[in-house]
Amino acid sequence: MFGVATRKSLRALFWLRVILWVAVVKIFVVQLWLLAKGDTALFSYVRAMLINELIAIPLAVYWSRSVHASYMASFTGSFRSSAD
């Protein structure tokens, strides 16, 4: 997120989106694995569920909004027009 904010790069935004959605899927797979282990890992399952539903998914949804891409594209356009 820091790279996207400082560089204002569409490529960085793309990779941030990929990383966030991969993290959401990874946490979900870990949740299923912990659930399959049984009651001994119930605390770990609940913690992974809370991390996924309260942090990872909202972050991924927020950064996937189209407004971020259009915002970054406006910087790219302004750099090109000022260079001409």
C-alpha atoms as a PDB file:
ATOM      1  CA  MET A   1       0.000   0.000   0.000  1.00  0.00           C
ATOM      2  CA  PHE A   2       2.910   2.326   0.718  1.00  0.00           C
ATOM      3  CA  GLY A   3       4.318   1.721  -2.785  1.00  0.00           C
ATOM      4  CA  VAL A   4       0.992   2.534  -4.397  1.00  0.00           C
ATOM      5  CA  ALA A   5       0.627   5.736  -2.377  1.00  0.00           C
ATOM      6  CA  THR A   6       4.154   7.032  -2.961  1.00  0.00           C
ATOM      7  CA  ARG A   7       4.705   5.991  -6.561  1.00  0.00           C
ATOM      8  CA  LYS A   8       1.137   6.490  -7.783  1.00  0.00           C
ATOM      9  CA  SER A   9       1.669   3.602 -10.160  1.00  0.00           C
ATOM     10  CA  LEU A  10      -1.020   1.547 -11.901  1.00  0.00           C
ATOM     11  CA  ARG A  11       1.328  -1.444 -11.919  1.00  0.00           C
ATOM     12  CA  ALA A  12       1.804  -1.189  -8.145  1.00  0.00           C
ATOM     13  CA  LEU A  13      -1.960  -0.958  -7.721  1.00  0.00           C
ATOM     14  CA  PHE A  14      -2.438  -4.093  -9.834  1.00  0.00           C
ATOM     15  CA  TRP A  15       0.083  -6.053  -7.771  1.00  0.00           C
ATOM     16  CA  LEU A  16      -1.430  -4.798  -4.525  1.00  0.00           C
ATOM     17  CA  ARG A  17      -4.816  -6.111  -5.648  1.00  0.00           C
ATOM     18  CA  VAL A  18      -3.321  -9.477  -6.601  1.00  0.00           C
ATOM     19  CA  ILE A  19      -1.492  -9.808  -3.284  1.00  0.00           C
ATOM     20  CA  LEU A  20      -4.563  -8.880  -1.247  1.00  0.00           C
ATOM     21  CA  TRP A  21      -6.865 -11.344  -3.032  1.00  0.00           C
ATOM     22  CA  VAL A  22      -4.263 -14.119  -2.797  1.00  0.00           C
ATOM     23  CA  ALA A  23      -4.059 -13.410   0.936  1.00  0.00           C
ATOM     24  CA  VAL A  24      -7.849 -13.680   1.241  1.00  0.00           C
ATOM     25  CA  VAL A  25      -7.837 -17.060  -0.511  1.00  0.00           C
ATOM     26  CA  LYS A  26      -4.844 -18.267   1.520  1.00  0.00           C
ATOM     27  CA  ILE A  27      -6.492 -17.342   4.813  1.00  0.00           C
ATOM     28  CA  PHE A  28      -9.672 -19.116   3.685  1.00  0.00           C
ATOM     29  CA  VAL A  29      -7.726 -22.284   2.856  1.00  0.00           C
ATOM     30  CA  VAL A  30      -6.012 -22.125   6.253  1.00  0.00           C
ATOM     31  CA  GLN A  31      -9.449 -21.754   7.857  1.00  0.00           C
ATOM     32  CA  LEU A  32     -10.658 -24.914   6.140  1.00  0.00           C
ATOM     33  CA  TRP A  33      -7.505 -26.767   7.133  1.00  0.00           C
ATOM     34  CA  LEU A  34      -7.869 -25.699  10.769  1.00  0.00           C
ATOM     35  CA  LEU A  35     -11.546 -26.646  10.760  1.00  0.00           C
ATOM     36  CA  ALA A  36     -10.646 -30.109   9.477  1.00  0.00           C
ATOM     37  CA  LYS A  37      -8.216 -30.588  12.383  1.00  0.00           C
ATOM     38  CA  GLY A  38     -11.059 -30.514  14.877  1.00  0.00           C
ATOM     39  CA  ASP A  39     -11.639 -28.885  18.239  1.00  0.00           C
ATOM     40  CA  THR A  40      -7.954 -28.588  19.139  1.00  0.00           C
ATOM     41  CA  ALA A  41      -7.488 -25.738  16.685  1.00  0.00           C
ATOM     42  CA  LEU A  42     -10.742 -23.893  17.364  1.00  0.00           C
ATOM     43  CA  PHE A  43      -9.004 -20.757  18.674  1.00  0.00           C
ATOM     44  CA  SER A  44      -6.748 -20.616  15.602  1.00  0.00           C
ATOM     45  CA  TYR A  45      -9.753 -21.081  13.334  1.00  0.00           C
ATOM     46  CA  VAL A  46     -11.662 -18.243  14.977  1.00  0.00           C
ATOM     47  CA  ARG A  47      -8.608 -15.970  14.804  1.00  0.00           C
ATOM     48  CA  ALA A  48      -8.073 -16.731  11.089  1.00  0.00           C
ATOM     49  CA  MET A  49     -11.772 -16.153  10.408  1.00  0.00           C
ATOM     50  CA  LEU A  50     -11.700 -12.774  12.152  1.00  0.00           C
ATOM     51  CA  ILE A  51      -8.544 -11.693  10.329  1.00  0.00           C
ATOM     52  CA  ASN A  52     -10.053 -12.671   7.001  1.00  0.00           C
ATOM     53  CA  GLU A  53     -13.490 -11.165   7.508  1.00  0.00           C
ATOM     54  CA  LEU A  54     -12.527  -8.033   9.414  1.00  0.00           C
ATOM     55  CA  ILE A  55      -9.220  -7.088   7.780  1.00  0.00           C
ATOM     56  CA  ALA A  56      -8.255  -8.950   4.604  1.00  0.00           C
ATOM     57  CA  ILE A  57     -11.565  -8.950   2.723  1.00  0.00           C
ATOM     58  CA  PRO A  58     -12.427  -5.276   3.398  1.00  0.00           C
ATOM     59  CA  LEU A  59      -8.904  -4.213   2.369  1.00  0.00           C
ATOM     60  CA  ALA A  60      -9.092  -6.249  -0.831  1.00  0.00           C
ATOM     61  CA  VAL A  61     -12.533  -4.866  -1.681  1.00  0.00           C
ATOM     62  CA  TYR A  62     -11.461  -1.284  -0.923  1.00  0.00           C
ATOM     63  CA  TRP A  63      -8.364  -1.419  -3.134  1.00  0.00           C
ATOM     64  CA  SER A  64     -10.306  -3.178  -5.928  1.00  0.00           C
ATOM     65  CA  ARG A  65     -12.595  -0.210  -6.466  1.00  0.00           C
ATOM     66  CA  SER A  66     -12.296   1.373  -9.900  1.00  0.00           C
ATOM     67  CA  VAL A  67     -11.824   4.836  -8.416  1.00  0.00           C
ATOM     68  CA  HIS A  68      -8.251   3.932  -7.444  1.00  0.00           C
ATOM     69  CA  ALA A  69      -7.316   2.987 -11.011  1.00  0.00           C
ATOM     70  CA  SER A  70      -8.829   6.169 -12.436  1.00  0.00           C
ATOM     71  CA  TYR A  71      -7.049   8.216  -9.757  1.00  0.00           C
ATOM     72  CA  MET A  72      -3.693   6.637 -10.643  1.00  0.00           C
ATOM     73  CA  ALA A  73      -4.392   7.059 -14.351  1.00  0.00           C
ATOM     74  CA  SER A  74      -4.980  10.773 -13.808  1.00  0.00           C
ATOM     75  CA  PHE A  75      -1.435  11.095 -12.465  1.00  0.00           C
ATOM     76  CA  THR A  76      -0.041   9.177 -15.431  1.00  0.00           C
ATOM     77  CA  GLY A  77      -1.881  11.479 -17.816  1.00  0.00           C
ATOM     78  CA  SER A  78      -0.688  14.615 -16.029  1.00  0.00           C
ATOM     79  CA  PHE A  79       2.923  13.439 -16.159  1.00  0.00           C
ATOM     80  CA  ARG A  80       2.654  12.844 -19.895  1.00  0.00           C
ATOM     81  CA  SER A  81       1.009  16.184 -20.613  1.00  0.00           C
ATOM     82  CA  SER A  82       3.586  18.117 -18.590  1.00  0.00           C
ATOM     83  CA  ALA A  83       6.448  16.367 -20.417  1.00  0.00           C
ATOM     84  CA  ASP A  84       5.180  17.520 -23.820  1.00  0.00           C
END
